[in-house]
Amino acid sequence: MRLKLVFIASLIAAIVGAGAAIAIVVFVLASLDSITSPGLLVAATYLLPITTIFFAAMFVYRHTARRRRLQAALTVLISLVLTLTIFVVASMLTARPNPQAPAQPQRNVG
């Protein structure tokens, strides 16, 4: 089994896919308000990691001689875990340090 190829392809797919999606969200969309209201643009940014993972799995499948399906599946699983890890780390790094609680509405008592 070509584990080096599987790990390197998974790492590259995760970095490129998640990095491109994070860069689009942080720099292009500029405000996180558009992410809370789902739309076609937000859904399209998450197609980038899926596409890179697909191409990495296809690359590993075509460049191995034995156990092709197993190595392609392993590439997909490792890439998904790394991509989710990158998303979680990026969300922790870009989060506001002290989130403001919403103001309570004034009640008229009496």
C-alpha atoms as a PDB file:
ATOM      1  CA  MET A   1       0.000   0.000   0.000  1.00  0.00           C
ATOM      2  CA  ARG A   2       1.320   3.432  -0.878  1.00  0.00           C
ATOM      3  CA  LEU A   3       0.600   5.212   2.378  1.00  0.00           C
ATOM      4  CA  LYS A   4       2.856   8.163   1.572  1.00  0.00           C
ATOM      5  CA  LEU A   5       0.852   8.854  -1.567  1.00  0.00           C
ATOM      6  CA  VAL A   6      -2.432   8.549   0.338  1.00  0.00           C
ATOM      7  CA  PHE A   7      -1.338  10.916   3.117  1.00  0.00           C
ATOM      8  CA  ILE A   8       0.256  13.493   0.831  1.00  0.00           C
ATOM      9  CA  ALA A   9      -2.723  13.540  -1.542  1.00  0.00           C
ATOM     10  CA  SER A  10      -5.115  13.821   1.410  1.00  0.00           C
ATOM     11  CA  LEU A  11      -3.142  16.652   2.981  1.00  0.00           C
ATOM     12  CA  ILE A  12      -2.913  18.604  -0.269  1.00  0.00           C
ATOM     13  CA  ALA A  13      -6.617  18.107  -0.985  1.00  0.00           C
ATOM     14  CA  ALA A  14      -7.589  19.279   2.494  1.00  0.00           C
ATOM     15  CA  ILE A  15      -5.340  22.334   2.445  1.00  0.00           C
ATOM     16  CA  VAL A  16      -6.332  23.437  -1.055  1.00  0.00           C
ATOM     17  CA  GLY A  17     -10.051  22.730  -0.685  1.00  0.00           C
ATOM     18  CA  ALA A  18     -10.574  24.097   2.807  1.00  0.00           C
ATOM     19  CA  GLY A  19      -8.125  26.951   2.257  1.00  0.00           C
ATOM     20  CA  ALA A  20      -9.927  28.101  -0.871  1.00  0.00           C
ATOM     21  CA  ALA A  21     -13.331  27.917   0.828  1.00  0.00           C
ATOM     22  CA  ILE A  22     -12.077  29.798   3.895  1.00  0.00           C
ATOM     23  CA  ALA A  23     -10.383  32.426   1.745  1.00  0.00           C
ATOM     24  CA  ILE A  24     -13.590  33.020  -0.208  1.00  0.00           C
ATOM     25  CA  VAL A  25     -15.675  33.282   2.948  1.00  0.00           C
ATOM     26  CA  VAL A  26     -13.268  35.559   4.825  1.00  0.00           C
ATOM     27  CA  PHE A  27     -12.003  37.810   2.053  1.00  0.00           C
ATOM     28  CA  VAL A  28     -14.636  37.831  -0.692  1.00  0.00           C
ATOM     29  CA  LEU A  29     -17.867  37.690   1.260  1.00  0.00           C
ATOM     30  CA  ALA A  30     -16.355  40.097   3.841  1.00  0.00           C
ATOM     31  CA  SER A  31     -19.241  39.770   6.277  1.00  0.00           C
ATOM     32  CA  LEU A  32     -20.467  36.645   7.943  1.00  0.00           C
ATOM     33  CA  ASP A  33     -24.102  37.763   7.678  1.00  0.00           C
ATOM     34  CA  SER A  34     -24.446  36.168   4.250  1.00  0.00           C
ATOM     35  CA  ILE A  35     -23.433  32.774   5.642  1.00  0.00           C
ATOM     36  CA  THR A  36     -26.289  32.715   8.128  1.00  0.00           C
ATOM     37  CA  SER A  37     -28.780  33.035   5.283  1.00  0.00           C
ATOM     38  CA  PRO A  38     -28.032  30.075   3.036  1.00  0.00           C
ATOM     39  CA  GLY A  39     -27.793  30.781  -0.630  1.00  0.00           C
ATOM     40  CA  LEU A  40     -26.241  29.485  -3.798  1.00  0.00           C
ATOM     41  CA  LEU A  41     -22.948  31.324  -3.231  1.00  0.00           C
ATOM     42  CA  VAL A  42     -22.466  29.818   0.214  1.00  0.00           C
ATOM     43  CA  ALA A  43     -23.267  26.340  -1.067  1.00  0.00           C
ATOM     44  CA  ALA A  44     -20.840  26.820  -3.942  1.00  0.00           C
ATOM     45  CA  THR A  45     -17.969  27.617  -1.561  1.00  0.00           C
ATOM     46  CA  TYR A  46     -18.355  24.213   0.063  1.00  0.00           C
ATOM     47  CA  LEU A  47     -18.171  22.473  -3.308  1.00  0.00           C
ATOM     48  CA  LEU A  48     -14.463  23.344  -3.468  1.00  0.00           C
ATOM     49  CA  PRO A  49     -13.380  20.913  -0.718  1.00  0.00           C
ATOM     50  CA  ILE A  50     -15.609  18.184  -2.132  1.00  0.00           C
ATOM     51  CA  THR A  51     -14.125  18.676  -5.587  1.00  0.00           C
ATOM     52  CA  THR A  52     -10.522  18.597  -4.358  1.00  0.00           C
ATOM     53  CA  ILE A  53     -11.213  15.472  -2.294  1.00  0.00           C
ATOM     54  CA  PHE A  54     -12.743  13.801  -5.350  1.00  0.00           C
ATOM     55  CA  PHE A  55      -9.716  14.648  -7.497  1.00  0.00           C
ATOM     56  CA  ALA A  56      -7.301  13.443  -4.801  1.00  0.00           C
ATOM     57  CA  ALA A  57      -9.138  10.124  -4.535  1.00  0.00           C
ATOM     58  CA  MET A  58      -9.153   9.777  -8.306  1.00  0.00           C
ATOM     59  CA  PHE A  59      -5.419  10.573  -8.415  1.00  0.00           C
ATOM     60  CA  VAL A  60      -4.624   7.930  -5.798  1.00  0.00           C
ATOM     61  CA  TYR A  61      -6.865   5.405  -7.537  1.00  0.00           C
ATOM     62  CA  ARG A  62      -5.094   5.891 -10.867  1.00  0.00           C
ATOM     63  CA  HIS A  63      -1.557   5.881  -9.449  1.00  0.00           C
ATOM     64  CA  THR A  64      -1.705   2.690  -7.381  1.00  0.00           C
ATOM     65  CA  ALA A  65      -1.509  -0.869  -8.582  1.00  0.00           C
ATOM     66  CA  ARG A  66      -3.212  -2.872  -5.851  1.00  0.00           C
ATOM     67  CA  ARG A  67      -6.067  -2.240  -3.462  1.00  0.00           C
ATOM     68  CA  ARG A  68      -7.166   0.766  -5.486  1.00  0.00           C
ATOM     69  CA  ARG A  69     -10.609   1.112  -3.958  1.00  0.00           C
ATOM     70  CA  LEU A  70      -9.322   0.803  -0.414  1.00  0.00           C
ATOM     71  CA  GLN A  71      -6.657   3.453  -0.958  1.00  0.00           C
ATOM     72  CA  ALA A  72      -9.107   5.812  -2.658  1.00  0.00           C
ATOM     73  CA  ALA A  73     -11.582   5.380   0.204  1.00  0.00           C
ATOM     74  CA  LEU A  74      -8.818   5.943   2.738  1.00  0.00           C
ATOM     75  CA  THR A  75      -7.836   9.127   0.896  1.00  0.00           C
ATOM     76  CA  VAL A  76     -11.424  10.381   1.067  1.00  0.00           C
ATOM     77  CA  LEU A  77     -11.735   9.643   4.795  1.00  0.00           C
ATOM     78  CA  ILE A  78      -8.409  11.243   5.719  1.00  0.00           C
ATOM     79  CA  SER A  79      -9.163  14.269   3.544  1.00  0.00           C
ATOM     80  CA  LEU A  80     -12.586  14.734   5.146  1.00  0.00           C
ATOM     81  CA  VAL A  81     -11.137  14.591   8.661  1.00  0.00           C
ATOM     82  CA  LEU A  82      -8.374  17.047   7.773  1.00  0.00           C
ATOM     83  CA  THR A  83     -10.807  19.389   6.014  1.00  0.00           C
ATOM     84  CA  LEU A  84     -13.166  19.433   8.991  1.00  0.00           C
ATOM     85  CA  THR A  85     -10.201  20.044  11.291  1.00  0.00           C
ATOM     86  CA  ILE A  86      -9.074  22.988   9.173  1.00  0.00           C
ATOM     87  CA  PHE A  87     -12.614  24.422   9.201  1.00  0.00           C
ATOM     88  CA  VAL A  88     -12.856  24.128  12.999  1.00  0.00           C
ATOM     89  CA  VAL A  89      -9.435  25.715  13.554  1.00  0.00           C
ATOM     90  CA  ALA A  90     -10.237  28.529  11.133  1.00  0.00           C
ATOM     91  CA  SER A  91     -13.566  29.221  12.823  1.00  0.00           C
ATOM     92  CA  MET A  92     -11.848  29.361  16.216  1.00  0.00           C
ATOM     93  CA  LEU A  93      -9.160  31.708  14.905  1.00  0.00           C
ATOM     94  CA  THR A  94     -11.606  34.057  13.170  1.00  0.00           C
ATOM     95  CA  ALA A  95     -14.169  34.141  15.989  1.00  0.00           C
ATOM     96  CA  ARG A  96     -14.739  37.311  17.954  1.00  0.00           C
ATOM     97  CA  PRO A  97     -12.859  37.279  21.272  1.00  0.00           C
ATOM     98  CA  ASN A  98     -15.771  38.635  23.344  1.00  0.00           C
ATOM     99  CA  PRO A  99     -19.126  38.067  21.678  1.00  0.00           C
ATOM    100  CA  GLN A 100     -21.724  40.653  22.574  1.00  0.00           C
ATOM    101  CA  ALA A 101     -24.958  39.369  24.050  1.00  0.00           C
ATOM    102  CA  PRO A 102     -28.090  40.701  22.356  1.00  0.00           C
ATOM    103  CA  ALA A 103     -29.707  43.597  24.190  1.00  0.00           C
ATOM    104  CA  GLN A 104     -32.772  42.712  26.215  1.00  0.00           C
ATOM    105  CA  PRO A 105     -35.914  44.601  25.162  1.00  0.00           C
ATOM    106  CA  GLN A 106     -37.287  47.076  27.677  1.00  0.00           C
ATOM    107  CA  ARG A 107     -40.509  45.997  29.347  1.00  0.00           C
ATOM    108  CA  ASN A 108     -43.139  48.460  30.503  1.00  0.00           C
ATOM    109  CA  VAL A 109     -44.170  47.290  33.938  1.00  0.00           C
ATOM    110  CA  GLY A 110     -46.994  48.987  35.643  1.00  0.00           C
END
